[in-house]
């Protein structure tokens, strides 16, 4: 009889990354795009002056702003993260199966889900689960 490796269900907390790269609402679109490229990210959580998460600026939002504003009016330098971001941040709890999180990503059409910390009326991202994290688990299996 061959020995079998016991399969355990991986949870979101097993695969997610602690710490999230962010930008401020007044960060220029050009600077935010540079951060996305430099850090190899799909999106940035946008924080207001109190550190409260107010939206998400992703590659799609940057490209949309580029196509509608930058090429036509040449105003990319004056656009800010607050003007380009989407107001919702896809959230997820840490204690659900990673497979369920993968399905949520598919259902919502996003490439990352955020574990948000809430305290004193302020909410900020504490961790993120990205498509790459799920793919890494698929490949490595541990």
Protein backbone atom coordinates (compact mmCIF):
# COMPACT_ATOMS: atom_id res chain seq x y z
CA UNK A 1 0.00 0.00 0.00
CA UNK A 2 1.45 3.34 -1.07
CA UNK A 3 1.69 6.11 1.48
CA UNK A 4 -0.49 9.09 0.71
CA UNK A 5 0.30 12.64 1.59
CA UNK A 6 -2.37 14.09 3.83
CA UNK A 7 -4.06 17.02 2.12
CA UNK A 8 -4.91 20.01 4.27
CA UNK A 9 -7.11 22.83 3.14
CA UNK A 10 -5.10 26.02 2.71
CA UNK A 11 -6.75 29.12 4.06
CA UNK A 12 -6.37 32.67 2.83
CA UNK A 13 -4.11 33.47 5.80
CA UNK A 14 -1.73 30.69 4.71
CA UNK A 15 -1.12 32.30 1.31
CA UNK A 16 -1.57 36.05 1.80
CA UNK A 17 1.17 38.66 2.14
CA UNK A 18 1.31 40.85 5.22
CA UNK A 19 1.86 44.50 4.33
CA UNK A 20 0.35 46.28 1.36
CA UNK A 21 1.91 48.93 -0.86
CA UNK A 22 -0.31 52.02 -0.92
CA UNK A 23 -0.42 55.57 -2.23
CA UNK A 24 -2.13 58.75 -1.05
CA UNK A 25 -5.15 60.42 -2.65
CA UNK A 26 -2.95 63.28 -3.87
CA UNK A 27 -0.39 60.97 -5.52
CA UNK A 28 -0.20 61.81 -9.22
CA UNK A 29 -1.36 59.23 -11.75
CA UNK A 30 2.12 59.24 -13.25
CA UNK A 31 3.72 58.49 -9.86
CA UNK A 32 1.13 55.77 -9.08
CA UNK A 33 1.77 54.13 -12.46
CA UNK A 34 5.51 54.20 -11.72
CA UNK A 35 4.88 52.42 -8.39
CA UNK A 36 2.74 49.78 -10.14
CA UNK A 37 5.53 49.12 -12.62
CA UNK A 38 8.41 49.23 -10.14
CA UNK A 39 6.71 46.89 -7.66
CA UNK A 40 5.14 44.60 -10.30
CA UNK A 41 1.64 45.24 -8.91
CA UNK A 42 -1.84 45.07 -10.37
CA UNK A 43 -3.20 47.71 -7.98
CA UNK A 44 -2.55 50.08 -5.08
CA UNK A 45 -4.84 50.84 -2.17
CA UNK A 46 -5.40 54.59 -1.97
CA UNK A 47 -5.28 56.20 1.50
CA UNK A 48 -6.61 59.60 2.53
CA UNK A 49 -4.72 62.04 4.76
CA UNK A 50 -5.79 60.12 7.91
CA UNK A 51 -4.52 56.80 6.51
CA UNK A 52 -8.06 55.56 5.81
CA UNK A 53 -8.41 53.35 2.72
CA UNK A 54 -10.73 55.09 0.25
CA UNK A 55 -10.23 53.20 -3.01
CA UNK A 56 -8.18 51.09 -5.35
CA UNK A 57 -6.05 52.33 -8.24
CA UNK A 58 -5.21 49.49 -10.58
CA UNK A 59 -3.69 49.04 -13.97
CA UNK A 60 -7.17 49.16 -15.52
CA UNK A 61 -7.97 52.53 -13.94
CA UNK A 62 -4.61 53.93 -15.02
CA UNK A 63 -5.08 52.72 -18.60
CA UNK A 64 -8.65 54.06 -18.71
CA UNK A 65 -7.46 57.48 -17.52
CA UNK A 66 -4.66 57.40 -20.07
CA UNK A 67 -7.02 56.58 -22.93
CA UNK A 68 -9.67 59.16 -22.09
CA UNK A 69 -7.61 62.03 -20.66
CA UNK A 70 -3.92 61.79 -21.26
CA UNK A 71 -3.87 61.24 -25.00
CA UNK A 72 -6.65 63.70 -25.82
CA UNK A 73 -6.04 66.54 -23.35
CA UNK A 74 -2.45 65.74 -22.31
CA UNK A 75 -3.36 66.25 -18.63
CA UNK A 76 -1.90 63.09 -17.06
CA UNK A 77 0.46 65.10 -14.89
CA UNK A 78 -2.45 66.82 -13.16
CA UNK A 79 -4.57 63.70 -12.49
CA UNK A 80 -4.42 62.29 -8.96
CA UNK A 81 -5.08 58.85 -7.52
CA UNK A 82 -8.34 60.15 -6.01
CA UNK A 83 -9.59 61.19 -9.45
CA UNK A 84 -8.77 57.86 -11.10
CA UNK A 85 -9.36 55.22 -8.39
CA UNK A 86 -12.42 53.05 -7.98
CA UNK A 87 -14.08 53.56 -4.59
CA UNK A 88 -14.46 49.90 -3.62
CA UNK A 89 -11.74 47.68 -2.20
CA UNK A 90 -12.34 43.92 -2.54
CA UNK A 91 -12.11 42.52 0.98
CA UNK A 92 -11.74 39.00 2.32
CA UNK A 93 -11.50 37.39 5.76
CA UNK A 94 -8.34 35.38 6.51
CA UNK A 95 -10.05 32.18 7.63
CA UNK A 96 -11.81 31.00 4.47
CA UNK A 97 -10.39 28.39 2.08
CA UNK A 98 -7.99 29.77 -0.53
CA UNK A 99 -10.01 27.96 -3.21
CA UNK A 100 -13.07 30.00 -2.18
CA UNK A 101 -10.98 33.17 -2.40
CA UNK A 102 -9.88 32.19 -5.91
CA UNK A 103 -13.53 31.86 -6.89
CA UNK A 104 -14.29 35.27 -5.36
CA UNK A 105 -11.51 36.78 -7.49
CA UNK A 106 -13.08 35.23 -10.58
CA UNK A 107 -16.60 36.32 -9.63
CA UNK A 108 -15.53 39.90 -8.90
CA UNK A 109 -13.09 40.16 -11.80
CA UNK A 110 -10.19 41.19 -9.54
CA UNK A 111 -6.61 40.00 -9.17
CA UNK A 112 -6.29 40.74 -5.45
CA UNK A 113 -8.33 40.58 -2.26
CA UNK A 114 -7.48 42.59 0.84
CA UNK A 115 -7.65 41.83 4.53
CA UNK A 116 -8.69 45.16 6.01
CA UNK A 117 -7.97 46.28 9.57
CA UNK A 118 -10.61 48.50 11.17
CA UNK A 119 -9.96 50.67 14.21
CA UNK A 120 -11.34 53.99 15.39
CA UNK A 121 -13.34 54.61 12.23
CA UNK A 122 -10.29 54.09 10.03
CA UNK A 123 -9.83 51.12 7.74
CA UNK A 124 -6.52 50.18 6.13
CA UNK A 125 -5.10 47.15 4.31
CA UNK A 126 -3.15 44.75 6.51
CA UNK A 127 -2.57 41.96 3.99
CA UNK A 128 -3.36 40.94 0.42
CA UNK A 129 -4.01 37.71 -1.44
CA UNK A 130 -3.07 38.03 -5.11
CA UNK A 131 -3.55 35.76 -8.09
CA UNK A 132 0.19 35.09 -8.01
CA UNK A 133 -0.11 33.72 -4.46
CA UNK A 134 -2.74 31.24 -5.56
CA UNK A 135 -0.70 30.24 -8.62
CA UNK A 136 2.41 29.80 -6.44
CA UNK A 137 0.46 27.42 -4.21
CA UNK A 138 -0.80 25.57 -7.27
CA UNK A 139 2.78 25.06 -8.43
CA UNK A 140 4.47 24.42 -5.07
CA UNK A 141 1.58 22.62 -3.38
CA UNK A 142 2.70 23.39 0.14
